[in-house]
Amino acid sequence: MGPLEVINRYSFLVLGGAALLGLAVALGLRRAGGIGWGIWLLLLLALLVFGLSRRAQPSAPFSSEEEIAAAWRSGRPVLIYWFSNY
């Protein structure tokens, strides 16, 4: 995966991290106290929790056409791809 793919896939984390970096520089230049850094730490934790909670979960492969049809009718997004070695 190239650097542009990483930026594209994780753009919300890159932008959030850049914003937190800018806030850290501003806090450092102002010689902020514990409250400012505490808020910064809470924002960092919120960004990390959001990033970890939004990761894609691998699903079990379908083993029959009936399972594919049931997933299709479930109302949830379904990505189906077929692979063949031939």
N, C-alpha and C. Protein backbone atom coordinates (compact mmCIF):
# COMPACT_ATOMS: atom_id res chain seq x y z
N MET A 1 0.86 -1.16 0.00
CA MET A 1 0.00 0.00 0.00
C MET A 1 0.91 1.23 0.00
N GLY A 2 0.70 2.09 -0.99
CA GLY A 2 1.52 3.29 -1.11
C GLY A 2 1.07 4.39 -0.17
N PRO A 3 1.87 5.45 -0.07
CA PRO A 3 1.54 6.53 0.87
C PRO A 3 0.23 7.24 0.52
N LEU A 4 -0.08 7.39 -0.76
CA LEU A 4 -1.34 8.04 -1.12
C LEU A 4 -2.54 7.18 -0.75
N GLU A 5 -2.40 5.87 -0.86
CA GLU A 5 -3.48 4.98 -0.45
C GLU A 5 -3.73 5.07 1.05
N VAL A 6 -2.66 5.17 1.84
CA VAL A 6 -2.80 5.30 3.30
C VAL A 6 -3.51 6.60 3.64
N ILE A 7 -3.10 7.69 2.99
CA ILE A 7 -3.74 8.98 3.25
C ILE A 7 -5.20 8.94 2.84
N ASN A 8 -5.49 8.31 1.71
CA ASN A 8 -6.88 8.23 1.25
C ASN A 8 -7.72 7.37 2.19
N ARG A 9 -7.20 6.23 2.60
CA ARG A 9 -7.96 5.31 3.44
C ARG A 9 -8.15 5.84 4.85
N TYR A 10 -7.16 6.51 5.39
CA TYR A 10 -7.20 6.98 6.78
C TYR A 10 -7.20 8.50 6.86
N SER A 11 -7.87 9.16 5.93
CA SER A 11 -7.84 10.61 5.87
C SER A 11 -8.40 11.24 7.14
N PHE A 12 -9.42 10.64 7.74
CA PHE A 12 -9.98 11.22 8.96
C PHE A 12 -8.97 11.18 10.10
N LEU A 13 -8.13 10.15 10.16
CA LEU A 13 -7.10 10.08 11.19
C LEU A 13 -5.95 11.04 10.88
N VAL A 14 -5.61 11.18 9.59
CA VAL A 14 -4.53 12.08 9.21
C VAL A 14 -4.93 13.52 9.53
N LEU A 15 -6.15 13.91 9.15
CA LEU A 15 -6.60 15.28 9.42
C LEU A 15 -6.76 15.52 10.91
N GLY A 16 -7.31 14.56 11.62
CA GLY A 16 -7.45 14.70 13.07
C GLY A 16 -6.09 14.78 13.76
N GLY A 17 -5.15 13.95 13.30
CA GLY A 17 -3.80 13.99 13.87
C GLY A 17 -3.11 15.31 13.58
N ALA A 18 -3.30 15.85 12.37
CA ALA A 18 -2.71 17.15 12.03
C ALA A 18 -3.30 18.26 12.91
N ALA A 19 -4.61 18.20 13.13
CA ALA A 19 -5.26 19.20 13.98
C ALA A 19 -4.74 19.09 15.42
N LEU A 20 -4.57 17.87 15.92
CA LEU A 20 -4.05 17.69 17.28
C LEU A 20 -2.59 18.13 17.37
N LEU A 21 -1.82 17.91 16.32
CA LEU A 21 -0.44 18.36 16.31
C LEU A 21 -0.39 19.89 16.36
N GLY A 22 -1.25 20.54 15.58
CA GLY A 22 -1.31 22.01 15.62
C GLY A 22 -1.73 22.51 16.99
N LEU A 23 -2.69 21.84 17.61
CA LEU A 23 -3.12 22.23 18.95
C LEU A 23 -2.00 22.02 19.97
N ALA A 24 -1.23 20.94 19.82
CA ALA A 24 -0.11 20.69 20.73
C ALA A 24 0.96 21.77 20.59
N VAL A 25 1.23 22.20 19.36
CA VAL A 25 2.20 23.28 19.15
C VAL A 25 1.69 24.56 19.80
N ALA A 26 0.40 24.86 19.60
CA ALA A 26 -0.17 26.07 20.21
C ALA A 26 -0.11 26.01 21.73
N LEU A 27 -0.43 24.85 22.30
CA LEU A 27 -0.36 24.70 23.75
C LEU A 27 1.08 24.84 24.25
N GLY A 28 2.02 24.29 23.51
CA GLY A 28 3.41 24.40 23.90
C GLY A 28 3.92 25.83 23.83
N LEU A 29 3.54 26.56 22.78
CA LEU A 29 3.98 27.95 22.65
C LEU A 29 3.36 28.85 23.72
N ARG A 30 2.15 28.54 24.14
CA ARG A 30 1.48 29.34 25.17
C ARG A 30 1.85 28.88 26.57
N ARG A 31 2.63 27.81 26.65
CA ARG A 31 3.01 27.21 27.93
C ARG A 31 1.77 26.92 28.76
N ALA A 32 0.87 26.19 28.14
CA ALA A 32 -0.42 25.87 28.76
C ALA A 32 -0.23 24.97 29.97
N GLY A 33 -1.19 25.05 30.87
CA GLY A 33 -1.15 24.24 32.08
C GLY A 33 -1.77 22.87 31.86
N GLY A 34 -2.06 22.22 32.94
CA GLY A 34 -2.57 20.85 32.91
C GLY A 34 -3.94 20.73 32.28
N ILE A 35 -4.78 21.75 32.41
CA ILE A 35 -6.14 21.66 31.85
C ILE A 35 -6.09 21.61 30.33
N GLY A 36 -5.28 22.44 29.73
CA GLY A 36 -5.14 22.44 28.27
C GLY A 36 -4.63 21.12 27.75
N TRP A 37 -3.60 20.59 28.41
CA TRP A 37 -3.04 19.30 27.99
C TRP A 37 -4.00 18.15 28.30
N GLY A 38 -4.79 18.28 29.35
CA GLY A 38 -5.80 17.26 29.64
C GLY A 38 -6.87 17.19 28.56
N ILE A 39 -7.31 18.36 28.10
CA ILE A 39 -8.28 18.41 27.00
C ILE A 39 -7.66 17.83 25.74
N TRP A 40 -6.39 18.15 25.49
CA TRP A 40 -5.70 17.61 24.32
C TRP A 40 -5.62 16.09 24.39
N LEU A 41 -5.32 15.56 25.57
CA LEU A 41 -5.24 14.11 25.74
C LEU A 41 -6.60 13.44 25.53
N LEU A 42 -7.67 14.08 26.02
CA LEU A 42 -9.02 13.54 25.79
C LEU A 42 -9.37 13.53 24.31
N LEU A 43 -9.01 14.60 23.60
CA LEU A 43 -9.26 14.63 22.15
C LEU A 43 -8.46 13.55 21.42
N LEU A 44 -7.22 13.34 21.84
CA LEU A 44 -6.40 12.29 21.24
C LEU A 44 -7.02 10.92 21.48
N LEU A 45 -7.46 10.66 22.71
CA LEU A 45 -8.10 9.37 23.01
C LEU A 45 -9.39 9.19 22.22
N ALA A 46 -10.17 10.27 22.08
CA ALA A 46 -11.42 10.18 21.30
C ALA A 46 -11.11 9.86 19.85
N LEU A 47 -10.07 10.46 19.28
CA LEU A 47 -9.69 10.17 17.89
C LEU A 47 -9.24 8.72 17.74
N LEU A 48 -8.46 8.23 18.70
CA LEU A 48 -8.00 6.84 18.63
C LEU A 48 -9.16 5.85 18.78
N VAL A 49 -10.06 6.11 19.70
CA VAL A 49 -11.22 5.22 19.88
C VAL A 49 -12.08 5.22 18.64
N PHE A 50 -12.30 6.40 18.06
CA PHE A 50 -13.10 6.48 16.84
C PHE A 50 -12.43 5.70 15.70
N GLY A 51 -11.13 5.88 15.55
CA GLY A 51 -10.42 5.17 14.49
C GLY A 51 -10.46 3.66 14.66
N LEU A 52 -10.29 3.20 15.88
CA LEU A 52 -10.33 1.76 16.13
C LEU A 52 -11.74 1.18 15.99
N SER A 53 -12.75 1.96 16.35
CA SER A 53 -14.11 1.44 16.27
C SER A 53 -14.65 1.42 14.84
N ARG A 54 -14.08 2.19 13.94
CA ARG A 54 -14.57 2.26 12.57
C ARG A 54 -13.83 1.32 11.63
N ARG A 55 -12.92 0.51 12.16
CA ARG A 55 -12.19 -0.42 11.30
C ARG A 55 -13.12 -1.48 10.76
N ALA A 56 -12.85 -1.91 9.55
CA ALA A 56 -13.66 -2.94 8.91
C ALA A 56 -13.39 -4.29 9.57
N GLN A 57 -14.45 -5.04 9.78
CA GLN A 57 -14.34 -6.36 10.37
C GLN A 57 -14.45 -7.41 9.26
N PRO A 58 -13.53 -8.35 9.19
CA PRO A 58 -13.68 -9.40 8.18
C PRO A 58 -14.87 -10.29 8.51
N SER A 59 -15.55 -10.72 7.50
CA SER A 59 -16.71 -11.56 7.71
C SER A 59 -16.43 -12.98 7.23
N ALA A 60 -17.27 -13.89 7.67
CA ALA A 60 -17.13 -15.30 7.26
C ALA A 60 -17.56 -15.44 5.80
N PRO A 61 -16.87 -16.27 5.05
CA PRO A 61 -17.26 -16.46 3.65
C PRO A 61 -18.59 -17.21 3.55
N PHE A 62 -19.31 -16.93 2.50
CA PHE A 62 -20.56 -17.63 2.23
C PHE A 62 -20.24 -19.00 1.65
N SER A 63 -20.99 -20.00 2.09
CA SER A 63 -20.72 -21.35 1.59
C SER A 63 -21.82 -21.87 0.68
N SER A 64 -22.91 -21.12 0.54
CA SER A 64 -23.97 -21.58 -0.34
C SER A 64 -24.71 -20.39 -0.95
N GLU A 65 -25.47 -20.66 -1.98
CA GLU A 65 -26.24 -19.60 -2.63
C GLU A 65 -27.35 -19.09 -1.71
N GLU A 66 -27.86 -19.95 -0.82
CA GLU A 66 -28.91 -19.53 0.11
C GLU A 66 -28.37 -18.48 1.09
N GLU A 67 -27.13 -18.66 1.56
CA GLU A 67 -26.53 -17.68 2.47
C GLU A 67 -26.32 -16.34 1.75
N ILE A 68 -25.93 -16.40 0.50
CA ILE A 68 -25.76 -15.16 -0.28
C ILE A 68 -27.10 -14.45 -0.42
N ALA A 69 -28.14 -15.19 -0.74
CA ALA A 69 -29.48 -14.59 -0.90
C ALA A 69 -29.98 -14.02 0.42
N ALA A 70 -29.72 -14.71 1.53
CA ALA A 70 -30.16 -14.21 2.84
C ALA A 70 -29.42 -12.92 3.19
N ALA A 71 -28.13 -12.88 2.91
CA ALA A 71 -27.36 -11.66 3.19
C ALA A 71 -27.84 -10.52 2.31
N TRP A 72 -28.18 -10.82 1.08
CA TRP A 72 -28.67 -9.80 0.14
C TRP A 72 -29.99 -9.19 0.64
N ARG A 73 -30.85 -10.02 1.21
CA ARG A 73 -32.17 -9.56 1.69
C ARG A 73 -32.11 -8.94 3.09
N SER A 74 -30.97 -9.00 3.76
CA SER A 74 -30.89 -8.56 5.15
C SER A 74 -31.01 -7.05 5.32
N GLY A 75 -30.81 -6.28 4.26
CA GLY A 75 -30.89 -4.83 4.36
C GLY A 75 -29.57 -4.17 4.71
N ARG A 76 -28.55 -4.97 4.96
CA ARG A 76 -27.22 -4.43 5.26
C ARG A 76 -26.38 -4.45 3.98
N PRO A 77 -25.40 -3.57 3.87
CA PRO A 77 -24.53 -3.59 2.68
C PRO A 77 -23.79 -4.92 2.56
N VAL A 78 -23.74 -5.44 1.36
CA VAL A 78 -23.10 -6.72 1.11
C VAL A 78 -22.14 -6.57 -0.06
N LEU A 79 -20.91 -6.99 0.12
CA LEU A 79 -19.93 -7.02 -0.96
C LEU A 79 -19.64 -8.48 -1.25
N ILE A 80 -19.92 -8.88 -2.47
CA ILE A 80 -19.70 -10.26 -2.87
C ILE A 80 -18.73 -10.26 -4.04
N TYR A 81 -17.67 -11.04 -3.92
CA TYR A 81 -16.76 -11.18 -5.03
C TYR A 81 -16.41 -12.65 -5.19
N TRP A 82 -16.18 -13.03 -6.41
CA TRP A 82 -15.86 -14.41 -6.72
C TRP A 82 -14.40 -14.47 -7.15
N PHE A 83 -13.73 -15.53 -6.77
CA PHE A 83 -12.33 -15.74 -7.14
C PHE A 83 -12.19 -17.12 -7.72
N SER A 84 -11.44 -17.19 -8.79
CA SER A 84 -11.18 -18.47 -9.43
C SER A 84 -9.72 -18.55 -9.82
N ASN A 85 -9.13 -19.70 -9.60
CA ASN A 85 -7.73 -19.92 -10.01
C ASN A 85 -7.60 -20.28 -11.48
N TYR A 86 -8.71 -20.40 -12.18
CA TYR A 86 -8.67 -20.87 -13.56
C TYR A 86 -8.82 -19.76 -14.54
